[in-house]
Protein backbone atom coordinates (compact mmCIF):
# COMPACT_ATOMS: atom_id res chain seq x y z
CA MET A 1 0.00 0.00 0.00
CA GLU A 2 1.41 3.38 -1.05
CA ASP A 3 -0.88 5.49 1.15
CA PHE A 4 -3.87 5.25 3.50
CA ASN A 5 -6.40 6.24 0.81
CA ALA A 6 -6.34 2.69 -0.57
CA PHE A 7 -7.86 1.22 2.64
CA GLY A 8 -11.26 2.84 2.20
CA LEU A 9 -11.16 4.62 5.57
CA PRO A 10 -13.73 7.32 6.45
CA GLU A 11 -12.95 10.81 5.23
CA ALA A 12 -12.63 12.13 8.79
CA LEU A 13 -9.85 9.65 9.55
CA LEU A 14 -8.01 10.44 6.32
CA LYS A 15 -8.01 14.13 7.21
CA SER A 16 -6.66 13.33 10.67
CA LEU A 17 -3.89 11.18 9.19
CA GLU A 18 -2.93 14.00 6.86
CA ARG A 19 -2.90 16.45 9.76
CA LEU A 20 -0.68 14.07 11.77
CA ASN A 21 1.71 13.58 8.81
CA PHE A 22 0.89 9.89 8.36
CA GLU A 23 1.94 9.38 4.75
CA LYS A 24 2.80 5.73 4.14
CA PRO A 25 1.56 2.71 6.14
CA THR A 26 4.11 0.63 8.02
CA PRO A 27 4.28 -3.11 7.23
CA ILE A 28 2.11 -4.09 10.21
CA GLN A 29 -0.45 -1.42 9.26
CA ALA A 30 -0.47 -2.50 5.60
CA GLN A 31 -1.24 -6.10 6.57
CA ALA A 32 -3.53 -5.65 9.58
CA ILE A 33 -5.83 -2.77 8.54
CA PRO A 34 -7.44 -4.48 5.50
CA VAL A 35 -8.05 -7.70 7.44
CA ALA A 36 -9.53 -5.82 10.40
CA LEU A 37 -11.79 -3.74 8.13
CA GLU A 38 -13.22 -7.02 6.82
CA GLY A 39 -14.34 -7.85 10.36
CA ARG A 40 -11.94 -10.75 10.96
CA ASP A 41 -10.10 -11.59 14.16
CA ILE A 42 -6.33 -11.04 14.22
CA LEU A 43 -3.49 -12.67 16.13
CA GLY A 44 -0.63 -10.27 15.45
CA SER A 45 2.96 -9.72 16.45
CA ALA A 46 5.48 -7.11 15.38
CA GLN A 47 8.55 -5.30 16.64
CA THR A 48 8.09 -2.45 19.07
CA GLY A 49 7.83 0.97 17.47
CA THR A 50 6.32 -0.26 14.19
CA GLY A 51 2.92 1.43 14.48
CA LYS A 52 0.69 -1.23 16.06
CA THR A 53 -1.60 1.40 17.63
CA ALA A 54 -2.68 2.69 14.23
CA ALA A 55 -2.90 -0.89 12.93
CA PHE A 56 -5.77 -1.66 15.32
CA GLY A 57 -6.91 1.90 16.07
CA LEU A 58 -7.93 2.94 12.57
CA PRO A 59 -10.20 -0.11 11.93
CA LEU A 60 -11.65 0.30 15.44
CA LEU A 61 -12.58 3.96 14.84
CA ALA A 62 -13.89 3.19 11.34
CA LYS A 63 -16.31 0.66 12.84
CA LEU A 64 -17.48 3.10 15.54
CA MET A 65 -18.12 5.73 12.87
CA ALA A 66 -20.02 3.28 10.69
CA ASN A 67 -22.19 1.85 13.48
CA PRO A 68 -23.44 4.38 16.10
CA LYS A 69 -24.66 1.56 18.37
CA SER A 70 -21.27 -0.12 18.66
CA SER A 71 -18.63 0.45 21.33
CA ALA A 72 -15.04 -0.74 21.66
CA LEU A 73 -12.69 -1.77 24.46
CA VAL A 74 -8.88 -1.64 24.42
CA VAL A 75 -7.05 -3.42 27.27
CA ALA A 76 -3.38 -2.61 27.96
CA PRO A 77 -1.01 -3.85 30.70
CA THR A 78 0.17 -0.50 32.13
CA ARG A 79 -1.22 2.95 32.78
CA GLU A 80 1.42 4.52 30.55
CA LEU A 81 0.58 2.32 27.58
CA ALA A 82 -3.17 2.80 28.08
CA THR A 83 -2.70 6.58 28.26
CA GLN A 84 -0.54 6.53 25.14
CA VAL A 85 -3.12 4.46 23.23
CA MET A 86 -5.93 6.79 24.29
CA LYS A 87 -3.98 9.87 23.20
CA SER A 88 -3.30 8.34 19.78
CA LEU A 89 -6.94 7.37 19.27
CA GLN A 90 -8.14 10.84 20.32
CA ASP A 91 -5.68 12.38 17.85
CA PHE A 92 -7.21 10.23 15.09
CA LEU A 93 -10.72 11.26 16.13
CA GLY A 94 -10.00 14.97 16.29
CA ARG A 95 -11.40 17.55 18.68
CA ASN A 96 -14.87 17.79 17.20
CA SER A 97 -15.63 14.07 17.06
CA PRO A 98 -19.00 13.02 18.52
CA ILE A 99 -17.45 9.75 19.81
CA LYS A 100 -16.78 10.12 23.53
CA THR A 101 -14.03 8.24 25.35
CA ALA A 102 -13.23 6.97 28.85
CA LEU A 103 -9.76 6.18 30.22
CA LEU A 104 -10.02 3.61 33.02
CA ILE A 105 -6.67 3.18 34.77
CA GLY A 106 -5.46 2.84 38.33
CA GLY A 107 -4.01 5.81 40.16
CA GLU A 108 -6.64 8.22 38.89
CA SER A 109 -9.68 9.54 40.68
CA MET A 110 -12.71 7.26 40.55
CA PHE A 111 -14.93 10.34 40.61
CA LYS A 112 -13.30 11.61 37.42
CA GLN A 113 -13.85 8.25 35.75
CA TYR A 114 -17.49 8.16 36.93
CA LYS A 115 -18.03 11.48 35.14
CA GLN A 116 -16.54 10.06 31.93
CA LEU A 117 -18.74 6.96 32.16
CA ASP A 118 -21.88 9.02 32.86
CA ALA A 119 -21.28 10.95 29.62
CA GLY A 120 -22.05 7.85 27.53
CA PRO A 121 -18.67 6.95 26.00
CA ARG A 122 -18.33 4.44 23.18
CA LEU A 123 -14.56 3.97 23.35
CA PHE A 124 -13.03 2.51 26.51
CA VAL A 125 -9.28 2.16 27.11
CA GLY A 126 -7.95 0.82 30.38
CA THR A 127 -5.94 -1.61 32.46
CA PRO A 128 -7.39 -4.95 33.62
CA GLY A 129 -7.54 -4.08 37.32
CA ARG A 130 -9.47 -0.83 37.01
CA ILE A 131 -11.80 -2.18 34.32
CA ASN A 132 -12.75 -5.01 36.69
CA ASP A 133 -13.26 -2.50 39.50
CA HIS A 134 -15.88 -0.68 37.43
CA LEU A 135 -17.49 -3.93 36.32
CA CYS A 136 -17.86 -5.01 39.96
CA ARG A 137 -19.36 -1.63 40.87
CA ARG A 138 -21.66 -1.83 37.84
CA SER A 139 -20.49 1.57 36.68
CA LEU A 140 -19.29 0.05 33.37
CA GLU A 141 -21.49 -1.76 30.88
CA LEU A 142 -19.80 -3.68 28.05
CA GLY A 143 -22.83 -5.37 26.53
CA SER A 144 -22.46 -3.40 23.28
CA ALA A 145 -18.64 -3.63 23.09
CA ASP A 146 -18.39 -5.72 19.93
CA PHE A 147 -14.80 -4.69 19.17
CA LEU A 148 -12.03 -5.84 21.55
CA VAL A 149 -8.29 -5.16 21.41
CA LEU A 150 -5.83 -6.90 23.73
CA ASP A 151 -2.54 -5.00 23.40
CA GLU A 152 0.79 -6.37 24.69
CA THR A 153 -0.99 -9.53 25.80
CA ASP A 154 2.22 -11.33 26.74
CA ARG A 155 3.04 -8.55 29.16
CA MET A 156 -0.41 -8.73 30.74
CA LEU A 157 -0.03 -12.46 31.34
CA ASP A 158 3.47 -11.94 32.76
CA MET A 159 1.98 -9.45 35.22
CA GLY A 160 -0.62 -11.99 36.38
CA PHE A 161 -3.68 -10.49 34.67
CA SER A 162 -4.92 -13.72 33.07
CA VAL A 163 -7.74 -14.18 35.63
CA GLN A 164 -8.84 -10.56 35.28
CA ILE A 165 -8.80 -10.77 31.48
CA ASN A 166 -11.05 -13.82 31.62
CA LYS A 167 -13.47 -11.93 33.90
CA ILE A 168 -13.59 -9.00 31.48
CA LEU A 169 -14.26 -11.24 28.49
CA LYS A 170 -17.31 -12.73 30.22
CA HIS A 171 -18.97 -9.29 30.16
CA LEU A 172 -18.52 -8.82 26.41
CA PRO A 173 -20.96 -10.13 23.79
CA LYS A 174 -20.03 -13.47 22.28
CA LYS A 175 -20.41 -12.08 18.78
CA ARG A 176 -17.58 -9.61 18.53
CA GLN A 177 -14.35 -8.87 16.69
CA THR A 178 -11.14 -9.44 18.64
CA LEU A 179 -7.64 -8.24 17.81
CA LEU A 180 -4.85 -9.69 19.94
CA PHE A 181 -1.33 -8.31 19.69
CA SER A 182 1.64 -9.82 21.48
CA ALA A 183 5.40 -9.44 21.20
CA THR A 184 5.85 -13.19 21.70
CA LEU A 185 3.53 -16.16 21.31
CA PRO A 186 4.11 -18.58 24.19
CA GLU A 187 1.77 -21.47 24.93
CA ASP A 188 -0.54 -19.47 27.22
CA ILE A 189 -1.06 -16.82 24.52
CA VAL A 190 -1.95 -19.46 21.94
CA LYS A 191 -4.34 -21.07 24.43
CA LEU A 192 -6.01 -17.71 25.06
CA ALA A 193 -6.28 -17.07 21.32
CA ASN A 194 -7.87 -20.47 20.71
CA SER A 195 -10.43 -19.79 23.43
CA TYR A 196 -11.53 -16.28 22.49
CA LEU A 197 -10.60 -15.68 18.83
CA TYR A 198 -12.62 -17.09 15.94
CA ASN A 199 -10.56 -18.27 12.99
CA PRO A 200 -7.96 -15.51 13.48
CA GLU A 201 -5.67 -14.22 10.75
CA ARG A 202 -2.07 -14.70 11.84
CA ILE A 203 -0.02 -11.58 11.06
CA ALA A 204 3.68 -11.39 11.93
CA VAL A 205 5.93 -8.59 10.69
CA GLY A 206 9.64 -8.98 11.30
CA SER A 207 11.12 -10.87 14.22
CA THR A 208 9.85 -9.93 17.65
CA ARG A 209 13.13 -11.23 19.07
CA THR A 210 15.31 -8.71 17.26
CA PRO A 211 15.51 -4.96 17.80
CA ALA A 212 14.81 -2.40 15.11
CA VAL A 213 17.44 -2.31 12.38
CA LYS A 214 18.29 1.37 12.87
CA ILE A 215 19.34 0.94 16.52
CA LYS A 216 23.11 1.01 16.94
CA GLN A 217 23.93 -1.23 19.92
CA ASP A 218 27.10 -0.91 22.00
CA LEU A 219 28.21 -3.10 24.89
CA MET A 220 30.62 -2.07 27.63
CA ARG A 221 32.06 -4.63 30.05
CA ILE A 222 32.88 -2.71 33.17
CA PRO A 223 33.38 -3.27 36.93
CA GLU A 224 30.46 -2.34 39.14
CA ALA A 225 32.48 0.35 40.92
CA SER A 226 33.23 2.16 37.63
CA LYS A 227 29.70 2.29 36.21
CA TYR A 228 28.67 5.71 37.49
CA SER A 229 31.86 7.51 36.48
CA GLU A 230 31.61 5.92 33.02
CA LEU A 231 27.96 6.98 32.82
CA LEU A 232 28.94 10.60 33.42
CA GLU A 233 31.48 10.41 30.61
CA GLN A 234 28.90 8.91 28.25
CA LEU A 235 26.39 11.63 29.09
CA ASP A 236 28.96 14.32 28.28
CA GLN A 237 29.78 12.68 24.95
CA ARG A 238 26.18 12.22 23.75
CA GLN A 239 23.75 14.77 22.38
CA GLY A 240 19.97 14.73 22.57
CA SER A 241 17.43 13.12 24.90
CA ILE A 242 18.50 10.08 26.92
CA ILE A 243 16.60 7.46 28.90
CA ILE A 244 18.54 5.47 31.52
CA PHE A 245 17.10 2.17 32.76
CA VAL A 246 17.88 0.99 36.29
CA LYS A 247 16.69 -1.97 38.30
CA THR A 248 14.87 -0.51 41.30
CA LYS A 249 12.69 2.47 42.21
CA PHE A 250 15.16 3.51 44.92
CA ASN A 251 18.05 3.57 42.46
CA ALA A 252 16.00 5.60 39.98
CA ASP A 253 15.40 8.37 42.52
CA LYS A 254 18.97 8.19 43.80
CA MET A 255 20.52 8.43 40.34
CA ALA A 256 18.30 11.34 39.27
CA LYS A 257 19.38 13.29 42.38
CA ARG A 258 23.06 12.53 41.76
CA LEU A 259 22.80 13.61 38.13
CA ARG A 260 21.13 16.87 39.13
CA ARG A 261 24.03 17.54 41.49
CA GLU A 262 26.30 17.06 38.47
CA ASP A 263 24.36 19.82 36.65
CA HIS A 264 22.40 17.43 34.41
CA SER A 265 18.69 18.02 33.90
CA ALA A 266 17.24 14.68 35.02
CA GLU A 267 14.03 13.25 36.46
CA ALA A 268 13.02 9.78 37.66
CA ILE A 269 9.90 7.75 36.86
CA HIS A 270 8.77 4.52 38.52
CA GLY A 271 5.73 2.73 39.85
CA ASP A 272 5.63 4.44 43.26
CA LEU A 273 4.79 7.82 41.74
CA ARG A 274 1.20 8.95 41.49
CA HIS A 275 -0.28 8.65 38.04
CA ASN A 276 -0.72 12.39 37.57
CA LYS A 277 2.93 12.99 38.46
CA ARG A 278 4.05 10.27 36.05
CA GLU A 279 1.95 11.86 33.34
CA ARG A 280 3.41 15.27 34.11
CA LEU A 281 6.98 13.89 33.91
CA ILE A 282 6.30 12.19 30.58
CA LYS A 283 4.66 15.33 29.19
CA THR A 284 7.57 17.56 30.19
CA PHE A 285 10.06 15.02 28.81
CA ARG A 286 8.12 14.91 25.54
CA ASN A 287 8.32 18.71 25.44
CA SER A 288 12.12 18.50 25.99
CA GLU A 289 11.97 20.44 29.26
CA TYR A 290 14.67 18.14 30.65
CA ARG A 291 17.19 15.90 28.91
CA ILE A 292 17.55 12.71 30.95
CA LEU A 293 14.82 10.36 32.18
CA VAL A 294 15.87 7.71 34.69
CA ALA A 295 13.34 4.89 34.64
CA THR A 296 12.53 1.40 35.79
CA ASP A 297 10.94 -1.14 33.44
CA ILE A 298 7.62 0.65 33.85
CA ALA A 299 8.76 2.82 30.92
CA ALA A 300 10.03 -0.09 28.81
CA ARG A 301 6.68 -0.36 27.00
CA GLY A 302 4.21 2.23 25.86
CA LEU A 303 6.53 5.23 26.08
CA ASP A 304 6.39 6.72 22.58
CA ILE A 305 8.59 9.82 22.49
CA PRO A 306 10.10 10.33 19.03
CA HIS A 307 13.05 12.51 20.10
CA ILE A 308 14.70 9.90 22.37
CA GLU A 309 18.09 9.39 20.74
CA HIS A 310 19.90 7.25 23.31
CA VAL A 311 18.97 4.40 25.63
CA ILE A 312 21.45 3.39 28.36
CA ASN A 313 20.93 0.10 30.21
CA TYR A 314 22.71 0.99 33.44
CA ASP A 315 21.28 -2.23 34.95
CA LEU A 316 20.29 -5.23 32.86
CA PRO A 317 16.61 -6.25 32.96
CA GLN A 318 15.46 -9.33 34.85
CA CYS A 319 13.47 -10.58 31.84
CA PRO A 320 15.42 -10.93 28.56
CA GLU A 321 12.43 -9.80 26.46
CA ASP A 322 12.42 -6.47 28.31
CA TYR A 323 15.81 -5.68 26.79
CA ILE A 324 14.23 -5.46 23.33
CA HIS A 325 11.42 -3.26 24.64
CA ARG A 326 13.86 -1.02 26.50
CA ILE A 327 16.05 -0.22 23.51
CA GLY A 328 12.89 0.07 21.41
CA ARG A 329 12.25 3.44 23.09
CA THR A 330 14.65 4.89 20.53
CA ALA A 331 14.62 4.65 16.72
CA ARG A 332 10.83 5.05 16.69
CA ALA A 333 8.92 5.24 13.41
CA GLY A 334 11.98 4.65 11.23
CA ALA A 335 14.31 7.11 12.99
CA GLU A 336 17.85 6.25 14.09
CA GLY A 337 18.99 5.72 17.66
CA GLU A 338 21.74 4.32 19.87
CA ALA A 339 21.65 1.88 22.78
CA LEU A 340 24.45 1.34 25.29
CA CYS A 341 24.53 -1.58 27.72
CA PHE A 342 26.74 -1.79 30.82
CA ILE A 343 27.71 -5.39 31.65
CA THR A 344 29.42 -6.16 34.96
CA PRO A 345 30.88 -9.54 35.94
CA ALA A 346 27.76 -10.20 38.02
CA ASP A 347 25.59 -9.66 34.92
CA ARG A 348 27.15 -12.55 32.99
CA TYR A 349 24.18 -14.91 33.22
CA LYS A 350 21.63 -12.17 32.49
CA TRP A 351 23.51 -11.10 29.39
CA ASN A 352 23.87 -14.71 28.22
CA ALA A 353 20.07 -15.08 28.44
CA ILE A 354 19.61 -11.89 26.40
CA HIS A 355 22.18 -13.07 23.87
CA ARG A 356 20.40 -16.42 23.48
CA LEU A 357 17.11 -14.58 22.89
CA LEU A 358 18.62 -12.36 20.21
CA ASN A 359 20.72 -15.13 18.64
CA PRO A 360 19.02 -18.50 19.24
CA ASP A 361 21.52 -20.40 17.05
CA ALA A 362 24.68 -18.70 18.30
CA LYS A 363 27.01 -19.80 21.07
CA GLU A 364 27.17 -17.95 24.36
CA PRO A 365 29.11 -14.70 24.03
CA GLY A 366 32.83 -15.31 24.40
CA SER A 367 32.49 -19.10 24.61
CA GLY A 368 35.38 -21.14 23.23
CA SER A 369 35.77 -24.66 21.94
CA ASN A 370 38.48 -25.72 24.37
CA ARG A 371 38.50 -25.86 28.11
CA GLU A 372 41.49 -23.57 28.51
CA ALA A 373 39.70 -20.72 26.73
CA LYS A 374 36.77 -20.99 29.14
CA ARG A 375 39.12 -21.00 32.14
CA LYS A 376 40.87 -17.87 30.96
CA ARG A 377 37.51 -16.19 30.49
CA PHE A 378 36.62 -16.55 34.18
CA GLY A 379 39.70 -15.46 36.14
CA GLY A 380 42.61 -16.86 34.12
CA GLY A 381 42.39 -20.38 35.48
CA LYS A 382 42.90 -19.41 39.11
CA ARG A 383 40.71 -21.07 41.64
CA PHE A 384 38.97 -19.36 44.51
CA GLY A 385 41.37 -18.53 47.33
CA GLY A 386 44.16 -17.34 45.03
CA GLY A 387 46.70 -19.20 42.92
CA ASN A 388 46.12 -22.78 41.88
CA LYS A 389 45.63 -24.12 45.38
CA LYS A 390 42.92 -26.68 45.85
CA PHE A 391 40.10 -26.53 48.32
CA GLY A 392 40.48 -28.41 51.58
CA LYS A 393 43.81 -27.00 52.72
CA LYS A 394 43.29 -25.46 56.14
CA PRO A 395 44.55 -21.90 56.43
CA ASN A 396 46.77 -20.89 59.34
CA PHE A 397 45.25 -17.98 61.22
CA GLY A 398 48.07 -17.78 63.75
CA GLY A 399 46.03 -19.26 66.56
CA GLY A 400 46.95 -21.61 69.35
CA PHE A 401 46.75 -24.83 67.31
CA LYS A 402 49.79 -26.91 68.06
CA LYS A 403 51.66 -28.21 65.02
CA LYS A 404 53.73 -31.33 64.97
CA GLY A 405 57.34 -30.38 64.82
CA GLY A 406 56.49 -26.68 64.74
CA LYS A 407 57.22 -23.81 67.07
CA PRO A 408 55.48 -23.70 70.44
CA PRO A 409 52.77 -21.11 70.93
CA ARG A 410 53.93 -17.57 71.63
CA LYS A 411 53.94 -16.36 75.18
CA SER A 412 51.98 -13.33 76.22
CA ASP A 413 53.58 -9.99 75.40
CA GLY A 414 52.10 -8.51 78.55
CA GLU A 415 49.67 -5.87 77.25
CA GLY A 416 48.79 -6.78 73.66
CA ARG A 417 47.15 -9.82 72.05
CA SER A 418 47.91 -13.03 73.94
CA GLU A 419 47.97 -16.64 72.92
CA GLY A 420 47.39 -19.77 75.01
CA GLY A 421 50.21 -20.22 77.53
CA GLU A 422 51.16 -22.34 80.46
CA GLY A 423 48.27 -23.41 82.59
CA GLY A 424 45.79 -21.80 80.21
CA ASN A 425 43.15 -22.73 77.72
CA ARG A 426 44.79 -23.67 74.39
CA ARG A 427 41.92 -22.50 72.20
CA SER A 428 42.92 -20.03 69.50
CA GLY A 429 43.38 -16.49 70.76
CA PHE A 430 42.62 -17.18 74.46
CA LYS A 431 44.84 -17.61 77.52
CA GLY A 432 44.18 -19.47 80.66
CA ARG A 433 42.51 -17.72 83.52
CA SER A 434 45.78 -17.39 85.41
CA GLY A 435 46.63 -13.75 84.79
CA ALA A 436 45.69 -13.51 81.12
CA GLY A 437 43.27 -11.43 79.13
CA ARG A 438 41.25 -12.09 76.02
CA PRO A 439 42.75 -11.19 72.65
CA GLY A 440 43.04 -7.44 72.13
CA PHE A 441 42.50 -6.62 75.83
CA SER A 442 44.93 -5.92 78.62
CA LYS A 443 45.95 -8.64 81.00
CA GLY A 444 44.09 -8.94 84.28
CA ARG A 445 45.68 -7.68 87.49
CA SER A 446 46.36 -9.51 90.75
CA GLY A 447 45.38 -12.89 89.41
CA GLY A 448 42.04 -11.72 88.03
CA SER A 449 40.69 -12.87 84.70
CA GLY A 450 40.79 -9.45 83.01
CA ARG A 451 37.42 -8.96 81.29
CA PRO A 452 37.32 -6.14 78.72
CA GLY A 453 36.83 -2.75 80.35
CA PHE A 454 37.69 -4.00 83.87
CA GLY A 455 40.93 -4.31 85.73
CA GLY A 456 42.02 -7.34 87.72
CA GLY A 457 40.41 -7.94 91.10
CA ARG A 458 42.04 -7.03 94.43
CA PRO A 459 41.87 -9.61 97.16
CA GLY A 460 38.71 -8.98 99.11
CA GLY A 461 37.89 -5.63 97.52
CA LYS A 462 36.50 -3.84 94.50
CA ARG A 463 38.28 -3.78 91.19
CA PRO A 464 40.07 -0.53 90.41
CA GLY A 465 38.29 1.04 87.50
CA GLY A 466 35.65 -1.67 87.56
CA ARG A 467 31.98 -1.59 88.40
CA PRO A 468 31.16 -1.00 92.07
CA GLY A 469 29.89 -4.00 93.89
CA MET A 470 31.50 -6.55 91.56
CA LYS A 471 33.08 -9.41 93.47
CA ARG A 472 36.55 -10.66 92.75
CA ARG A 473 36.73 -13.79 90.65
CA ARG A 474 38.44 -16.75 92.17
CA ALA A 475 41.99 -16.97 90.87
CA ALA A 476 42.87 -19.95 88.79
CA ALA A 477 44.64 -22.65 90.66
């Protein structure tokens, strides 16, 4: 397809596409839109950043415009993705469209959502949890929702939403059109598709296990202690907007504060922030009001900001598939971008899992055919404990263990550390009670045992410098 005019879309949508500078359909749009306009179910997969929202959004809106009694539901795994989908669909509709919408996501005021639902919307976009909340409260009616879109279905199942998705589907009419999009197609996705899709058209564009072609990927093997200093150097060398992915919410806040102290304009986004604050941060980042966004994996999907030029994986993701989604935040809609990945020695197994995902037929990175090459790769053949010594050899800590044919234990040096002597206990680091102290403490006086912080006992009296009322210990025989 050379342009969108060949699809037979309504005139209002064509004008919106022209206003939004949509000129040529992407491969997923060229394949999915005609099938969806025919009313068929779709089981689709495509790389991130290839225009899936328009692939299901344009047929959805065309059906709503053609049938005033119809309504549609789009289910997404995260608030950010649901908000992004709603914004795109509203852009396609235009400001003067009679079709009203409702965004049903967690973290927003229920009162605000009640107002949207009371206005009689025909387009619903939301997350599984909040949609079920409204269904349980009977504030949402989906009896006329004959068009369903499940976006990023694999992510929803990974997040444990399978039960909630099944509950939602029970409220929809049995006769409906369903479009299911997923980055991967594991067994549970296929099972869900077989249960709820009718004779679906399978559409796959490109490999969902490979990043976009125009992303330049760089790897940097680096010690953990050097990561932050190297990050500062990379930030100084790079131009344009940057998103940095870290592992935890705490680290996101901490890194954003450190970068601000280094005179970088940076903000942090993660799941603990209120939804309105997250939306405000994304909006200001989209408007280029600050340069660096430090994020957890909450921003790995659904964040569509065209001017992101660099993605830095400061910490590797726990799930290998999230690596593809992370670096997919750059090089959107055919643009070019760069991705840098820090790999520490502790990240070896995580990176191997990512490498196997990207290159199923390749060997592990850096693996050799002979045993010596593998040994050199992990510490040059040295075993733990230093050198080539084997386990099992007892180390000598300089204690009071008596060796055969060796030197006798040292005698006490009077005030410093003592070792077991005559008439004493021969355990390592301790002397007998007869005038000796514990290691690192001064020797007891007048035949006392010398506990730390106390002097030796006087016969029949208090200890000098000791606690009042403490009786003298009996001297060792």
